[in-house]
N, C-alpha and C. Protein backbone atom coordinates (compact mmCIF):
# COMPACT_ATOMS: atom_id res chain seq x y z
N UNK A 1 4.89 311.13 103.38
CA UNK A 1 4.25 310.00 103.98
C UNK A 1 3.05 309.29 103.52
N UNK A 2 3.12 307.97 103.22
CA UNK A 2 2.04 307.19 102.76
C UNK A 2 0.99 307.08 103.76
N UNK A 3 -0.27 307.46 103.33
CA UNK A 3 -1.40 307.26 104.23
C UNK A 3 -2.46 306.52 103.52
N UNK A 4 -2.65 305.33 103.96
CA UNK A 4 -3.73 304.30 103.43
C UNK A 4 -4.94 304.32 104.20
N UNK A 5 -5.88 303.70 103.72
CA UNK A 5 -7.22 303.75 104.48
C UNK A 5 -7.78 302.15 104.54
N UNK A 6 -8.74 301.98 105.31
CA UNK A 6 -9.20 300.68 105.45
C UNK A 6 -10.68 300.68 105.62
N UNK A 7 -11.46 300.52 104.48
CA UNK A 7 -12.99 300.66 104.50
C UNK A 7 -13.40 299.40 105.22
N UNK A 8 -14.47 299.45 105.96
CA UNK A 8 -14.97 298.41 106.79
C UNK A 8 -15.43 297.21 105.90
N UNK A 9 -15.82 297.49 104.73
CA UNK A 9 -16.42 296.37 103.88
C UNK A 9 -15.16 295.62 103.25
N UNK A 10 -13.95 296.18 102.97
CA UNK A 10 -12.97 295.52 102.23
C UNK A 10 -12.17 294.72 103.12
N UNK A 11 -11.34 293.72 102.27
CA UNK A 11 -10.54 292.77 103.12
C UNK A 11 -9.11 293.15 102.90
N UNK A 12 -8.98 294.45 102.66
CA UNK A 12 -7.54 294.94 102.40
C UNK A 12 -7.51 296.47 102.48
N UNK A 13 -6.31 297.02 102.40
CA UNK A 13 -6.17 298.43 102.49
C UNK A 13 -6.39 299.16 101.15
N UNK A 14 -6.42 300.44 101.19
CA UNK A 14 -6.67 301.16 99.91
C UNK A 14 -5.95 302.56 100.03
N UNK A 15 -5.85 303.20 98.78
CA UNK A 15 -5.10 304.37 98.77
C UNK A 15 -6.23 305.31 97.93
N UNK A 16 -6.60 306.35 98.62
CA UNK A 16 -7.76 307.07 98.12
C UNK A 16 -7.55 308.67 98.02
N UNK A 17 -8.40 309.24 97.27
CA UNK A 17 -8.45 310.59 97.05
C UNK A 17 -9.80 311.11 97.43
N UNK A 18 -9.95 312.46 97.63
CA UNK A 18 -11.40 313.10 97.97
C UNK A 18 -12.32 312.91 96.64
N UNK A 19 -13.37 312.34 97.00
CA UNK A 19 -14.43 311.99 96.00
C UNK A 19 -14.84 313.45 95.31
N UNK A 20 -15.23 313.40 94.06
CA UNK A 20 -15.78 314.60 93.30
C UNK A 20 -14.71 315.47 92.98
N UNK A 21 -13.83 315.86 93.99
CA UNK A 21 -12.71 316.82 93.68
C UNK A 21 -11.68 316.20 92.69
N UNK A 22 -11.56 314.87 92.67
CA UNK A 22 -10.60 314.16 91.88
C UNK A 22 -11.28 313.38 90.86
N UNK A 23 -12.47 313.64 90.59
CA UNK A 23 -13.47 312.74 89.73
C UNK A 23 -13.82 313.65 88.37
N UNK A 24 -13.09 314.06 87.59
CA UNK A 24 -13.38 314.88 86.38
C UNK A 24 -14.38 314.01 85.46
N UNK A 25 -14.27 312.66 85.53
CA UNK A 25 -15.24 311.87 84.67
C UNK A 25 -16.64 311.60 85.28
N UNK A 26 -16.78 312.21 86.42
CA UNK A 26 -18.18 311.99 87.12
C UNK A 26 -19.29 312.90 86.68
N UNK A 27 -18.94 313.86 85.60
CA UNK A 27 -19.80 314.76 85.18
C UNK A 27 -19.97 314.43 83.57
N UNK A 28 -21.39 314.72 83.04
CA UNK A 28 -21.73 314.41 81.67
C UNK A 28 -21.23 315.68 80.97
N UNK A 29 -21.61 315.66 79.55
CA UNK A 29 -21.32 316.85 78.84
C UNK A 29 -22.01 318.19 79.18
N UNK A 30 -22.99 318.05 79.91
CA UNK A 30 -23.69 319.18 80.53
C UNK A 30 -23.28 319.74 81.84
N UNK A 31 -22.19 319.21 82.29
CA UNK A 31 -21.64 319.52 83.63
C UNK A 31 -22.41 318.94 84.86
N UNK A 32 -23.37 317.96 84.57
CA UNK A 32 -24.21 317.33 85.66
C UNK A 32 -23.49 316.00 86.13
N UNK A 33 -23.67 315.53 87.32
CA UNK A 33 -23.19 314.41 87.73
C UNK A 33 -23.87 313.25 87.23
N UNK A 34 -23.05 312.29 86.65
CA UNK A 34 -23.77 310.99 86.03
C UNK A 34 -24.68 310.29 87.20
N UNK A 35 -25.66 309.53 86.68
CA UNK A 35 -26.36 308.87 87.78
C UNK A 35 -25.78 308.07 88.80
N UNK A 36 -24.59 307.39 88.57
CA UNK A 36 -23.94 306.58 89.45
C UNK A 36 -23.21 307.38 90.41
N UNK A 37 -22.89 308.59 90.09
CA UNK A 37 -22.12 309.58 90.98
C UNK A 37 -23.12 310.34 91.83
N UNK A 38 -24.32 310.49 91.49
CA UNK A 38 -25.22 311.31 92.24
C UNK A 38 -25.46 310.79 93.56
N UNK A 39 -25.35 309.41 93.76
CA UNK A 39 -25.65 308.79 94.92
C UNK A 39 -24.34 308.16 95.53
N UNK A 40 -23.30 308.89 95.25
CA UNK A 40 -21.74 308.32 95.73
C UNK A 40 -21.80 308.21 97.19
N UNK A 41 -21.46 307.22 97.65
CA UNK A 41 -21.41 306.87 99.12
C UNK A 41 -20.14 307.66 99.64
N UNK A 42 -19.10 307.98 98.92
CA UNK A 42 -18.04 308.62 99.32
C UNK A 42 -18.22 310.06 99.67
N UNK A 43 -19.47 310.57 99.41
CA UNK A 43 -19.73 311.97 99.80
C UNK A 43 -20.74 312.11 100.92
N UNK A 44 -21.05 311.12 101.55
CA UNK A 44 -21.90 310.96 102.63
C UNK A 44 -21.35 310.29 103.85
N UNK A 45 -22.28 310.25 104.93
CA UNK A 45 -21.80 309.41 106.12
C UNK A 45 -20.42 309.87 106.70
N UNK A 46 -19.68 308.91 107.15
CA UNK A 46 -18.23 309.21 107.69
C UNK A 46 -17.42 309.81 106.74
N UNK A 47 -17.59 309.69 105.46
CA UNK A 47 -16.75 310.29 104.47
C UNK A 47 -16.73 311.85 104.55
N UNK A 48 -17.62 312.36 105.31
CA UNK A 48 -17.86 313.85 105.46
C UNK A 48 -16.93 314.45 106.48
N UNK A 49 -16.51 313.47 107.51
CA UNK A 49 -15.77 313.94 108.59
C UNK A 49 -14.41 314.39 108.30
N UNK A 50 -13.97 315.47 109.00
CA UNK A 50 -12.64 316.09 108.70
C UNK A 50 -11.44 315.04 108.83
N UNK A 51 -11.58 314.03 109.84
CA UNK A 51 -10.49 313.15 110.03
C UNK A 51 -10.41 312.05 108.97
N UNK A 52 -11.59 311.92 108.28
CA UNK A 52 -11.58 310.95 107.13
C UNK A 52 -11.19 311.60 105.85
N UNK A 53 -11.58 312.84 105.68
CA UNK A 53 -11.11 313.61 104.50
C UNK A 53 -9.66 313.86 104.40
N UNK A 54 -9.20 314.22 105.65
CA UNK A 54 -7.75 314.61 105.77
C UNK A 54 -6.78 313.70 105.08
N UNK A 55 -6.63 312.54 105.17
CA UNK A 55 -5.60 311.59 104.42
C UNK A 55 -5.95 311.68 102.90
N UNK A 56 -7.23 311.78 102.53
CA UNK A 56 -7.42 311.91 101.01
C UNK A 56 -6.83 313.12 100.28
N UNK A 57 -7.14 314.31 101.21
CA UNK A 57 -6.54 315.50 100.89
C UNK A 57 -4.97 315.64 100.81
N UNK A 58 -4.41 314.76 101.81
CA UNK A 58 -3.02 314.76 101.92
C UNK A 58 -2.41 314.03 100.71
N UNK A 59 -3.18 312.93 100.30
CA UNK A 59 -2.66 312.04 99.19
C UNK A 59 -2.52 312.75 97.88
N UNK A 60 -3.49 313.79 97.77
CA UNK A 60 -3.47 314.48 96.54
C UNK A 60 -2.10 315.32 96.25
N UNK A 61 -1.55 315.68 97.33
CA UNK A 61 -0.31 316.42 97.19
C UNK A 61 0.83 315.28 97.39
N UNK A 62 0.58 314.38 98.19
CA UNK A 62 1.72 313.41 98.43
C UNK A 62 2.17 312.72 97.17
N UNK A 63 1.23 312.35 96.46
CA UNK A 63 1.80 311.35 95.19
C UNK A 63 2.74 311.97 94.26
N UNK A 64 2.76 313.30 94.27
CA UNK A 64 3.71 314.11 93.53
C UNK A 64 5.08 314.05 93.94
N UNK A 65 5.45 313.57 94.99
CA UNK A 65 6.76 313.39 95.57
C UNK A 65 7.53 312.51 94.70
N UNK A 66 8.83 312.73 94.60
CA UNK A 66 9.60 312.01 93.57
C UNK A 66 9.91 310.48 94.11
N UNK A 67 9.86 310.40 95.52
CA UNK A 67 10.01 309.06 95.98
C UNK A 67 8.87 308.38 96.45
N UNK A 68 7.60 308.94 96.01
CA UNK A 68 6.27 308.25 96.40
C UNK A 68 6.25 306.83 95.96
N UNK A 69 6.62 306.46 94.70
CA UNK A 69 6.50 305.22 94.05
C UNK A 69 7.38 304.18 95.04
N UNK A 70 8.57 304.52 95.31
CA UNK A 70 9.27 303.57 96.19
C UNK A 70 8.65 303.52 97.65
N UNK A 71 8.21 304.48 98.08
CA UNK A 71 7.46 304.51 99.40
C UNK A 71 6.15 303.46 99.34
N UNK A 72 5.55 303.83 98.20
CA UNK A 72 4.22 302.83 98.09
C UNK A 72 4.70 301.30 97.93
N UNK A 73 5.75 301.07 97.00
CA UNK A 73 6.24 299.62 97.01
C UNK A 73 6.61 299.01 98.31
N UNK A 74 7.37 299.86 99.08
CA UNK A 74 7.75 299.43 100.53
C UNK A 74 6.56 299.13 101.30
N UNK A 75 5.64 300.03 101.26
CA UNK A 75 4.44 299.91 102.22
C UNK A 75 3.59 298.67 101.92
N UNK A 76 3.56 298.23 100.54
CA UNK A 76 2.98 297.13 100.21
C UNK A 76 3.57 295.75 100.42
N UNK A 77 4.64 295.73 101.07
CA UNK A 77 5.27 294.55 101.24
C UNK A 77 4.73 293.34 101.68
N UNK A 78 3.86 293.64 102.54
CA UNK A 78 2.91 292.34 103.09
C UNK A 78 1.48 292.26 102.71
N UNK A 79 1.11 293.11 101.77
CA UNK A 79 -0.29 293.07 101.13
C UNK A 79 -0.44 292.25 99.96
N UNK A 80 -1.49 291.27 100.19
CA UNK A 80 -1.70 290.40 99.12
C UNK A 80 -2.81 290.91 98.26
N UNK A 81 -3.82 291.69 98.66
CA UNK A 81 -4.71 292.38 97.85
C UNK A 81 -4.72 293.84 98.15
N UNK A 82 -5.06 294.57 97.22
CA UNK A 82 -4.95 295.99 97.46
C UNK A 82 -6.06 296.73 96.44
N UNK A 83 -6.66 297.69 96.93
CA UNK A 83 -7.66 298.58 96.24
C UNK A 83 -7.31 299.92 96.07
N UNK A 84 -7.30 300.40 94.94
CA UNK A 84 -7.01 301.97 94.51
C UNK A 84 -8.30 302.66 94.63
N UNK A 85 -8.51 303.69 95.29
CA UNK A 85 -9.58 304.54 95.21
C UNK A 85 -10.94 303.93 95.81
N UNK A 86 -11.11 303.78 97.08
CA UNK A 86 -12.31 303.67 97.54
C UNK A 86 -13.28 304.96 97.44
N UNK A 87 -12.48 306.10 97.16
CA UNK A 87 -13.07 307.28 96.86
C UNK A 87 -12.26 308.06 95.87
N UNK A 88 -12.72 308.87 95.08
CA UNK A 88 -11.74 309.64 94.04
C UNK A 88 -11.41 308.82 92.80
N UNK A 89 -10.45 309.26 92.01
CA UNK A 89 -10.07 308.52 90.80
C UNK A 89 -8.68 308.98 90.50
N UNK A 90 -8.14 308.27 89.47
CA UNK A 90 -6.78 308.61 88.86
C UNK A 90 -6.82 309.72 87.89
N UNK A 91 -7.22 310.90 88.53
CA UNK A 91 -7.51 312.21 87.65
C UNK A 91 -6.30 312.64 86.77
N UNK A 92 -5.16 312.27 87.06
CA UNK A 92 -3.95 312.87 86.44
C UNK A 92 -3.20 311.69 85.63
N UNK A 93 -2.85 311.86 84.56
CA UNK A 93 -2.07 310.84 83.68
C UNK A 93 -0.77 310.51 84.43
N UNK A 94 -0.08 311.41 85.12
CA UNK A 94 1.24 311.32 85.81
C UNK A 94 0.83 310.36 86.99
N UNK A 95 -0.26 310.50 87.68
CA UNK A 95 -0.78 309.63 88.76
C UNK A 95 -0.74 308.34 88.35
N UNK A 96 -1.62 308.21 87.14
CA UNK A 96 -1.85 306.84 86.64
C UNK A 96 -0.42 306.13 86.37
N UNK A 97 0.42 306.83 85.77
CA UNK A 97 1.70 306.30 85.35
C UNK A 97 2.44 305.79 86.59
N UNK A 98 2.31 306.49 87.73
CA UNK A 98 3.01 306.18 89.00
C UNK A 98 2.35 304.89 89.55
N UNK A 99 0.95 304.76 89.41
CA UNK A 99 0.33 303.61 89.96
C UNK A 99 0.69 302.40 89.22
N UNK A 100 0.91 302.52 87.99
CA UNK A 100 1.44 301.53 87.13
C UNK A 100 2.76 301.05 87.66
N UNK A 101 3.67 301.84 87.86
CA UNK A 101 5.06 301.39 88.31
C UNK A 101 4.90 300.78 89.69
N UNK A 102 3.95 301.22 90.59
CA UNK A 102 3.80 300.50 91.87
C UNK A 102 3.27 299.10 91.62
N UNK A 103 2.37 299.01 90.70
CA UNK A 103 1.60 297.60 90.57
C UNK A 103 2.75 296.63 89.89
N UNK A 104 3.55 297.23 88.88
CA UNK A 104 4.43 296.36 88.25
C UNK A 104 5.44 295.87 89.32
N UNK A 105 5.95 296.63 90.18
CA UNK A 105 6.88 296.41 91.21
C UNK A 105 6.47 295.60 92.42
N UNK A 106 5.20 295.33 92.35
CA UNK A 106 4.75 294.43 93.56
C UNK A 106 3.79 293.43 92.98
N UNK A 107 4.48 292.43 92.20
CA UNK A 107 3.61 291.26 91.76
C UNK A 107 2.98 290.34 92.72
N UNK A 108 3.50 290.34 94.07
CA UNK A 108 2.84 289.63 95.09
C UNK A 108 1.43 290.19 95.52
N UNK A 109 1.11 291.49 95.08
CA UNK A 109 -0.13 292.00 95.32
C UNK A 109 -1.12 292.14 94.24
N UNK A 110 -2.22 291.68 94.41
CA UNK A 110 -3.31 291.76 93.40
C UNK A 110 -3.97 293.18 93.60
N UNK A 111 -4.05 293.95 92.52
CA UNK A 111 -4.42 295.37 92.53
C UNK A 111 -5.80 295.35 91.83
N UNK A 112 -6.83 296.10 92.41
CA UNK A 112 -7.94 296.40 91.84
C UNK A 112 -8.14 297.83 91.48
N UNK A 113 -8.38 298.32 90.43
CA UNK A 113 -8.41 299.91 90.15
C UNK A 113 -9.68 300.17 89.53
N UNK A 114 -10.65 300.56 90.21
CA UNK A 114 -12.11 301.04 89.60
C UNK A 114 -11.70 302.53 88.98
N UNK A 115 -12.30 302.84 87.82
CA UNK A 115 -12.01 304.21 87.16
C UNK A 115 -13.20 304.51 86.26
N UNK A 116 -13.30 305.87 85.99
CA UNK A 116 -14.21 306.41 85.02
C UNK A 116 -13.14 307.19 83.81
N UNK A 117 -11.87 307.17 84.17
CA UNK A 117 -11.05 307.97 83.36
C UNK A 117 -11.12 307.39 81.98
N UNK A 118 -11.60 306.25 81.79
CA UNK A 118 -11.54 305.69 80.40
C UNK A 118 -12.32 306.56 79.33
N UNK A 119 -13.11 307.48 79.89
CA UNK A 119 -13.85 308.40 79.14
C UNK A 119 -13.03 309.43 78.31
N UNK A 120 -11.70 309.56 78.85
CA UNK A 120 -10.74 310.43 78.19
C UNK A 120 -9.69 309.65 77.50
N UNK A 121 -9.71 309.90 76.07
CA UNK A 121 -8.95 309.04 75.20
C UNK A 121 -7.41 308.98 75.75
N UNK A 122 -6.87 309.91 76.31
CA UNK A 122 -5.41 309.99 76.67
C UNK A 122 -5.08 308.96 77.70
N UNK A 123 -6.10 308.41 78.46
CA UNK A 123 -5.92 307.36 79.48
C UNK A 123 -5.95 306.04 78.87
N UNK A 124 -6.38 305.85 77.75
CA UNK A 124 -6.54 304.40 77.29
C UNK A 124 -5.25 303.61 77.16
N UNK A 125 -4.15 304.14 76.80
CA UNK A 125 -3.02 303.54 76.74
C UNK A 125 -2.43 303.17 78.04
N UNK A 126 -2.48 303.97 79.05
CA UNK A 126 -2.01 303.51 80.49
C UNK A 126 -2.86 302.42 81.07
N UNK A 127 -4.26 302.53 80.80
CA UNK A 127 -5.20 301.60 81.23
C UNK A 127 -4.97 300.15 80.64
N UNK A 128 -4.67 300.08 79.36
CA UNK A 128 -4.43 298.82 78.64
C UNK A 128 -3.10 298.38 79.20
N UNK A 129 -2.10 299.20 79.43
CA UNK A 129 -0.86 298.75 79.99
C UNK A 129 -0.90 298.20 81.48
N UNK A 130 -1.74 298.76 82.23
CA UNK A 130 -2.09 298.25 83.71
C UNK A 130 -2.69 296.82 83.42
N UNK A 131 -3.64 296.63 82.53
CA UNK A 131 -4.51 295.45 82.46
C UNK A 131 -3.57 294.33 81.93
N UNK A 132 -2.44 294.69 81.32
CA UNK A 132 -1.63 293.70 80.89
C UNK A 132 -0.71 292.81 81.92
N UNK A 133 -0.69 293.58 83.00
CA UNK A 133 0.07 293.09 84.34
C UNK A 133 -0.81 291.85 84.73
N UNK A 134 -0.19 290.76 85.24
CA UNK A 134 -1.01 289.72 85.66
C UNK A 134 -1.58 289.87 86.97
N UNK A 135 -1.17 290.96 87.74
CA UNK A 135 -1.83 291.26 89.04
C UNK A 135 -2.53 292.32 89.18
N UNK A 136 -3.12 292.85 87.96
CA UNK A 136 -3.85 294.02 88.01
C UNK A 136 -5.21 293.85 87.22
N UNK A 137 -6.23 294.55 87.86
CA UNK A 137 -7.62 294.62 87.09
C UNK A 137 -7.93 295.94 87.19
N UNK A 138 -8.07 296.60 86.15
CA UNK A 138 -8.65 298.07 85.95
C UNK A 138 -10.14 297.91 85.50
N UNK A 139 -11.07 298.10 86.52
CA UNK A 139 -12.51 297.99 86.00
C UNK A 139 -13.10 299.32 85.62
N UNK A 140 -13.54 299.35 84.45
CA UNK A 140 -14.13 300.67 83.96
C UNK A 140 -15.59 300.71 84.58
N UNK A 141 -15.98 301.77 85.14
CA UNK A 141 -17.18 301.95 85.89
C UNK A 141 -18.28 302.64 85.08
N UNK A 142 -19.42 301.91 84.88
CA UNK A 142 -20.52 302.41 84.03
C UNK A 142 -21.00 303.59 84.67
N UNK A 143 -21.57 304.60 83.98
CA UNK A 143 -22.27 305.86 84.58
C UNK A 143 -23.80 305.48 85.06
N UNK A 144 -24.15 304.21 84.59
CA UNK A 144 -25.69 304.13 84.71
C UNK A 144 -25.89 303.44 86.15
N UNK A 145 -27.10 303.35 86.39
CA UNK A 145 -27.67 302.69 87.82
C UNK A 145 -28.67 301.55 87.53
N UNK A 146 -28.85 301.27 86.23
CA UNK A 146 -29.77 300.18 85.85
C UNK A 146 -29.13 299.02 85.02
N UNK A 147 -27.88 298.71 85.32
CA UNK A 147 -27.23 297.66 84.65
C UNK A 147 -26.65 297.77 83.38
N UNK A 148 -26.34 299.16 83.14
CA UNK A 148 -25.81 299.55 81.79
C UNK A 148 -24.42 299.00 81.60
N UNK A 149 -24.03 298.60 80.50
CA UNK A 149 -22.70 297.89 80.34
C UNK A 149 -21.83 298.71 79.44
N UNK A 150 -20.67 298.80 79.68
CA UNK A 150 -19.73 299.51 78.76
C UNK A 150 -19.23 298.46 77.67
N UNK A 151 -19.58 298.74 76.60
CA UNK A 151 -19.35 297.87 75.49
C UNK A 151 -17.93 297.82 75.23
N UNK A 152 -17.32 296.65 74.78
CA UNK A 152 -15.93 296.52 74.60
C UNK A 152 -14.93 296.59 75.62
N UNK A 153 -15.41 296.65 76.74
CA UNK A 153 -14.46 296.75 78.03
C UNK A 153 -13.90 295.42 78.33
N UNK A 154 -12.56 295.31 78.56
CA UNK A 154 -12.12 293.96 79.05
C UNK A 154 -12.54 293.60 80.53
N UNK A 155 -12.68 294.65 81.30
CA UNK A 155 -13.07 294.53 82.65
C UNK A 155 -13.77 295.85 83.07
N UNK A 156 -15.01 295.58 83.57
CA UNK A 156 -15.85 296.79 83.99
C UNK A 156 -16.70 296.39 85.18
N UNK A 157 -17.57 297.39 85.48
CA UNK A 157 -18.63 297.19 86.58
C UNK A 157 -19.62 298.06 86.27
N UNK A 158 -20.86 297.74 86.89
CA UNK A 158 -22.18 298.43 86.73
C UNK A 158 -22.86 298.35 88.09
N UNK A 159 -23.92 299.28 88.08
CA UNK A 159 -24.80 299.34 89.30
C UNK A 159 -26.24 298.82 88.88
N UNK A 160 -26.87 297.96 89.72
CA UNK A 160 -28.16 297.50 89.27
C UNK A 160 -29.07 297.55 90.66
N UNK A 161 -30.41 297.76 90.36
CA UNK A 161 -31.25 297.89 91.54
C UNK A 161 -31.39 296.42 92.22
N UNK A 162 -31.70 296.36 93.54
CA UNK A 162 -32.06 295.27 94.22
C UNK A 162 -32.99 294.30 93.53
N UNK A 163 -32.80 293.19 93.51
CA UNK A 163 -33.85 292.07 92.85
C UNK A 163 -34.12 292.48 91.35
N UNK A 164 -33.33 293.12 90.63
CA UNK A 164 -33.30 293.37 89.38
C UNK A 164 -32.93 292.11 88.55
N UNK A 165 -33.64 292.06 87.37
CA UNK A 165 -33.27 290.88 86.53
C UNK A 165 -32.13 291.36 85.57
N UNK A 166 -30.91 290.51 85.62
CA UNK A 166 -29.88 290.80 84.83
C UNK A 166 -29.21 289.61 84.32
N UNK A 167 -28.56 289.82 83.15
CA UNK A 167 -27.83 288.60 82.52
C UNK A 167 -26.45 288.53 82.99
N UNK A 168 -26.04 289.57 83.81
CA UNK A 168 -24.60 289.46 84.41
C UNK A 168 -24.39 288.40 85.28
N UNK A 169 -23.52 287.69 85.22
CA UNK A 169 -23.30 286.43 86.20
C UNK A 169 -22.76 286.83 87.40
N UNK A 170 -21.94 287.80 87.55
CA UNK A 170 -21.25 288.16 88.76
C UNK A 170 -21.82 289.21 89.59
N UNK A 171 -22.52 288.99 90.59
CA UNK A 171 -23.21 290.10 91.17
C UNK A 171 -22.41 290.21 92.63
N UNK A 172 -22.12 291.37 93.02
CA UNK A 172 -21.58 291.56 94.44
C UNK A 172 -22.67 291.23 95.44
N UNK A 173 -22.32 290.28 96.31
CA UNK A 173 -23.36 289.91 97.46
C UNK A 173 -23.04 290.50 98.73
N UNK A 174 -22.14 291.62 98.63
CA UNK A 174 -21.74 292.20 99.99
C UNK A 174 -23.02 292.60 100.76
N UNK A 175 -24.05 293.02 100.00
CA UNK A 175 -25.31 293.54 100.79
C UNK A 175 -25.97 292.47 101.49
N UNK A 176 -25.64 291.25 101.29
CA UNK A 176 -26.25 290.11 102.04
C UNK A 176 -25.30 289.59 103.03
N UNK A 177 -24.14 290.31 103.18
CA UNK A 177 -23.18 289.99 104.14
C UNK A 177 -22.78 291.16 105.03
N UNK A 178 -23.68 291.93 105.45
CA UNK A 178 -23.41 293.15 106.31
C UNK A 178 -22.49 294.08 105.60
N UNK A 179 -22.65 294.20 104.27
CA UNK A 179 -21.90 295.03 103.45
C UNK A 179 -20.31 294.74 103.41
N UNK A 180 -19.97 293.56 103.58
CA UNK A 180 -18.56 293.11 103.59
C UNK A 180 -18.31 292.13 102.51
N UNK A 181 -17.09 292.18 101.86
CA UNK A 181 -16.56 291.32 100.96
C UNK A 181 -16.55 289.75 101.35
N UNK A 182 -16.20 289.45 102.63
CA UNK A 182 -15.98 288.14 103.08
C UNK A 182 -14.95 287.58 102.45
N UNK A 183 -15.11 286.43 101.86
CA UNK A 183 -14.00 285.65 101.06
C UNK A 183 -13.98 286.00 99.48
N UNK A 184 -15.05 286.85 99.16
CA UNK A 184 -15.20 287.10 97.87
C UNK A 184 -14.00 287.95 97.23
N UNK A 185 -13.58 287.60 96.07
CA UNK A 185 -12.51 288.26 95.50
C UNK A 185 -12.89 288.65 93.92
N UNK A 186 -13.99 288.67 93.65
CA UNK A 186 -14.43 288.85 92.28
C UNK A 186 -13.92 290.04 91.60
N UNK A 187 -13.84 291.09 92.37
CA UNK A 187 -13.35 292.34 91.69
C UNK A 187 -11.83 292.51 91.18
N UNK A 188 -11.17 291.40 91.88
CA UNK A 188 -9.75 291.45 91.62
C UNK A 188 -9.42 290.37 90.59
N UNK A 189 -10.44 289.66 90.23
CA UNK A 189 -10.18 288.43 89.23
C UNK A 189 -10.19 288.81 87.86
N UNK A 190 -9.23 288.46 87.18
CA UNK A 190 -9.00 288.52 85.67
C UNK A 190 -10.00 287.50 84.98
N UNK A 191 -10.67 286.74 85.47
CA UNK A 191 -11.54 285.70 85.09
C UNK A 191 -12.99 286.24 85.07
N UNK A 192 -13.24 287.53 85.62
CA UNK A 192 -14.55 288.03 85.76
C UNK A 192 -14.44 289.37 84.90
N UNK A 193 -15.11 289.32 83.76
CA UNK A 193 -15.24 290.53 82.89
C UNK A 193 -16.08 291.71 83.42
N UNK A 194 -17.11 291.34 84.12
CA UNK A 194 -18.07 292.35 84.56
C UNK A 194 -18.55 292.04 85.91
N UNK A 195 -18.63 293.01 86.89
CA UNK A 195 -19.23 292.77 88.24
C UNK A 195 -20.27 293.80 88.31
N UNK A 196 -21.49 293.29 88.80
CA UNK A 196 -22.61 294.16 89.21
C UNK A 196 -22.71 294.47 90.58
N UNK A 197 -22.88 295.73 90.97
CA UNK A 197 -23.09 296.03 92.51
C UNK A 197 -24.50 296.63 92.63
N UNK A 198 -25.11 296.07 93.71
CA UNK A 198 -26.38 296.41 94.14
C UNK A 198 -26.27 297.91 94.62
N UNK A 199 -27.25 298.74 94.06
CA UNK A 199 -27.25 300.11 94.60
C UNK A 199 -27.78 300.11 96.12
N UNK A 200 -26.92 300.86 96.89
CA UNK A 200 -27.14 300.96 98.22
C UNK A 200 -27.09 302.42 98.68
N UNK A 201 -27.71 302.64 99.86
CA UNK A 201 -27.75 304.13 100.43
C UNK A 201 -28.89 304.63 100.02
N UNK A 202 -29.52 305.55 100.85
CA UNK A 202 -30.81 306.38 100.67
C UNK A 202 -30.81 306.98 99.35
N UNK A 203 -29.80 307.74 99.12
CA UNK A 203 -29.82 308.54 97.75
C UNK A 203 -29.97 307.65 96.48
N UNK A 204 -28.99 306.60 96.55
CA UNK A 204 -29.01 305.77 95.36
C UNK A 204 -30.45 304.95 95.18
N UNK A 205 -30.92 304.48 96.28
CA UNK A 205 -32.19 303.69 96.33
C UNK A 205 -33.34 304.64 95.66
N UNK A 206 -33.17 305.91 96.19
CA UNK A 206 -34.29 306.90 95.66
C UNK A 206 -34.16 307.05 94.08
N UNK A 207 -32.90 307.17 93.58
CA UNK A 207 -32.72 307.44 92.23
C UNK A 207 -33.27 306.20 91.50
N UNK A 208 -32.90 305.03 91.93
CA UNK A 208 -33.33 303.85 91.26
C UNK A 208 -34.64 303.55 91.24
N UNK A 209 -35.41 303.88 92.35
CA UNK A 209 -36.76 303.88 92.40
C UNK A 209 -37.52 304.79 91.39
N UNK A 210 -37.01 305.93 91.31
CA UNK A 210 -37.51 306.99 90.34
C UNK A 210 -37.29 306.47 88.90
N UNK A 211 -36.17 305.96 88.70
CA UNK A 211 -35.77 305.36 87.33
C UNK A 211 -36.58 304.22 86.88
N UNK A 212 -36.90 303.42 87.81
CA UNK A 212 -37.76 302.21 87.56
C UNK A 212 -39.29 302.59 87.19
N UNK A 213 -39.76 303.69 88.21
CA UNK A 213 -41.12 304.25 87.92
C UNK A 213 -41.25 304.86 86.64
N UNK A 214 -40.17 305.57 86.25
CA UNK A 214 -40.19 306.32 84.85
C UNK A 214 -40.17 305.36 83.77
N UNK A 215 -39.40 304.27 83.85
CA UNK A 215 -39.29 303.12 82.62
C UNK A 215 -40.74 302.56 82.48
N UNK A 216 -41.42 302.33 83.80
CA UNK A 216 -42.72 301.63 83.80
C UNK A 216 -43.70 302.58 83.07
N UNK A 217 -43.63 303.83 83.34
CA UNK A 217 -44.64 304.78 82.79
C UNK A 217 -44.41 304.85 81.29
N UNK A 218 -43.10 304.87 80.92
CA UNK A 218 -42.82 304.86 79.42
C UNK A 218 -43.29 303.62 78.75
């Protein structure tokens, strides 16, 4: 059974997995969470409630069904925009391959796929394959929280502190719109190479404040 979610901010539905449990790229070489994941919104607030976690845990098993791809294609019949992973990541290569099949078979839907799995070489081929589809944007997520950019990425995203100076042209303005996308569709656009998100949430704001203070001292 297909179970989709609808984050209050988003203008569309999404398919997600449990955060951290399916995010192998969230940790650095020392096994510590990278800065961007230390303040992950998908591990706090409503995301902690059993009824919110349940469909994500269900999806981890459900995608392995032989008819999952066909069911997803049918489910997206009327969706014009779709987001993969408002929590979690495409942690398995077989899952990524299935997502590609869904995207290819639903050209009427614009798909946005944020991921950190680009850090594993074996995912490069499927990510490139996805990005060649006219209706798909796979955005590689930066690990930093101070505007760090992934060099050479065709499409990517990064996190910046509020009021920070940045050379990035496209900044998510949801924080000025009650946390909602509104009419903005930057994340889905193939004309937008980089999107910068303002760090939000108590944990993230504390991290960014500490980082800024550290940089000032240095």
